[in-house]
Protein backbone atom coordinates (compact mmCIF):
# COMPACT_ATOMS: atom_id res chain seq x y z
CA MET A 1 10.98 12.53 9.96
CA ASN A 2 10.08 10.27 6.94
CA ASN A 3 9.50 6.54 8.40
CA THR A 4 9.44 4.74 5.19
CA LEU A 5 11.36 3.15 2.41
CA THR A 6 10.07 2.73 -1.20
CA TYR A 7 11.55 0.51 -3.79
CA LYS A 8 9.51 -0.66 -6.94
CA GLY A 9 6.58 0.64 -5.87
CA TYR A 10 6.25 -1.04 -2.43
CA GLN A 11 6.39 1.00 0.39
CA ALA A 12 8.09 -0.15 4.19
CA SER A 13 7.29 1.27 7.64
CA LEU A 14 10.41 1.22 10.08
CA GLU A 15 10.91 1.07 13.58
CA PHE A 16 13.84 0.64 15.83
CA ASP A 17 13.54 -2.68 18.22
CA SER A 18 15.64 -1.29 21.37
CA ASP A 19 15.73 -4.68 22.79
CA ASP A 20 17.96 -6.07 20.17
CA ARG A 21 19.14 -2.85 18.64
CA ILE A 22 18.08 -3.40 15.18
CA LEU A 23 15.98 -1.61 12.50
CA ILE A 24 13.04 -3.23 11.33
CA GLY A 25 10.90 -3.02 8.57
CA ARG A 26 7.75 -4.51 6.88
CA VAL A 27 6.58 -3.92 3.73
CA GLN A 28 2.85 -2.29 3.79
CA ASN A 29 -0.43 -2.20 1.86
CA ILE A 30 -0.12 -5.85 0.60
CA ASN A 31 -1.54 -9.30 1.98
CA ASP A 32 1.63 -10.76 1.77
CA VAL A 33 4.00 -10.39 4.74
CA ILE A 34 7.49 -9.36 3.92
CA GLY A 35 9.84 -8.29 6.49
CA PHE A 36 13.53 -7.39 6.78
CA HIS A 37 15.95 -6.13 9.27
CA GLY A 38 19.37 -4.56 9.64
CA SER A 39 21.62 -2.54 11.63
CA SER A 40 22.19 0.79 9.99
CA ILE A 41 20.02 2.46 7.77
CA ALA A 42 22.17 1.31 4.98
CA GLU A 43 21.89 -2.22 6.00
CA LEU A 44 17.85 -1.94 6.05
CA GLU A 45 18.05 -0.25 2.60
CA THR A 46 19.94 -3.24 1.09
CA ALA A 47 17.82 -5.87 3.42
CA PHE A 48 14.37 -4.32 1.78
CA HIS A 49 15.69 -4.34 -1.98
CA GLU A 50 17.15 -8.11 -1.22
CA ALA A 51 13.30 -8.58 0.40
CA ILE A 52 11.41 -7.32 -2.83
CA ASP A 53 13.91 -9.00 -5.12
CA ASN A 54 13.39 -12.42 -3.44
CA TYR A 55 9.93 -11.84 -3.26
CA LEU A 56 9.25 -10.96 -6.77
CA ALA A 57 12.00 -14.11 -7.93
CA ALA A 58 9.60 -16.45 -5.96
CA CYS A 59 6.67 -15.36 -7.27
CA ARG A 60 8.30 -15.73 -10.79
CA ASP A 61 9.47 -19.28 -9.53
CA LEU A 62 6.17 -20.03 -8.61
CA ASP A 63 4.25 -19.15 -11.71
CA GLN A 64 2.06 -16.64 -9.29
CA SER A 65 1.43 -12.95 -9.40
CA PRO A 66 3.17 -10.68 -6.72
CA ASP A 67 0.90 -8.59 -4.58
CA LYS A 68 1.00 -5.43 -5.77
CA PRO A 69 0.40 -2.01 -3.35
CA ALA A 70 -2.90 -0.18 -4.54
CA SER A 71 -1.98 3.45 -6.44
CA GLY A 72 -4.80 5.00 -4.92
CA ARG A 73 -6.30 5.72 -7.90
CA MET A 74 -9.46 3.88 -9.87
CA MET A 75 -11.33 4.35 -12.85
CA LEU A 76 -15.24 3.06 -12.62
CA ARG A 77 -17.62 2.72 -15.30
CA VAL A 78 -21.09 3.26 -14.12
CA GLU A 79 -24.56 3.80 -15.69
CA PRO A 80 -25.27 7.44 -16.21
CA ALA A 81 -27.84 7.40 -13.70
CA ILE A 82 -25.80 5.79 -11.33
CA HIS A 83 -23.49 8.41 -11.84
CA ALA A 84 -25.89 11.26 -11.73
CA SER A 85 -27.38 10.05 -8.26
CA SER A 86 -23.57 9.85 -7.10
CA LEU A 87 -22.77 13.38 -8.06
CA ARG A 88 -26.28 14.82 -6.11
CA ALA A 89 -25.50 12.68 -3.09
CA ALA A 90 -21.95 14.34 -3.23
CA SER A 91 -22.96 17.49 -3.56
CA ARG A 92 -25.93 17.28 -0.67
CA ALA A 93 -22.96 15.74 1.31
CA GLY A 94 -20.83 18.97 0.59
CA MET A 95 -18.05 16.80 -1.22
CA SER A 96 -16.60 16.22 -4.27
CA LEU A 97 -17.43 13.19 -5.91
CA ASN A 98 -13.94 11.56 -5.10
CA LYS A 99 -13.89 12.47 -1.49
CA TRP A 100 -18.07 11.17 -1.12
CA ALA A 101 -17.18 7.55 -3.16
CA GLU A 102 -13.70 7.59 -0.72
CA GLU A 103 -16.10 7.84 2.32
CA VAL A 104 -18.86 4.95 1.01
CA PHE A 105 -15.79 2.69 -0.25
CA ARG A 106 -14.67 3.21 3.42
CA ARG A 107 -17.63 2.65 5.15
CA ALA A 108 -18.54 -0.46 2.58
CA GLY A 109 -14.93 -1.85 3.78
CA ALA A 110 -15.48 -1.42 7.44
């Protein structure tokens, strides 16, 4: 079962609040907090779309760039010697360069 909704590149997680008997959503992978709720899937989806549209409109009105989720794709330009040493390190670790770099980034962000 997929417990996410996607709209305009934003993804939201969903959960059920058994106390209030409503569905609750929260936009993931951005620093800004965007939440919404509904009593049915259709209502929740409409509220999600409205929340994103309102967020984007508010950012425009405030002349601010909206926070956007990362795509998971990056392109880096590094010196050839760094590229070569990274390839060797990935090989020694038994990983592709992408997986090795992901692990290095994960450790650096921890």
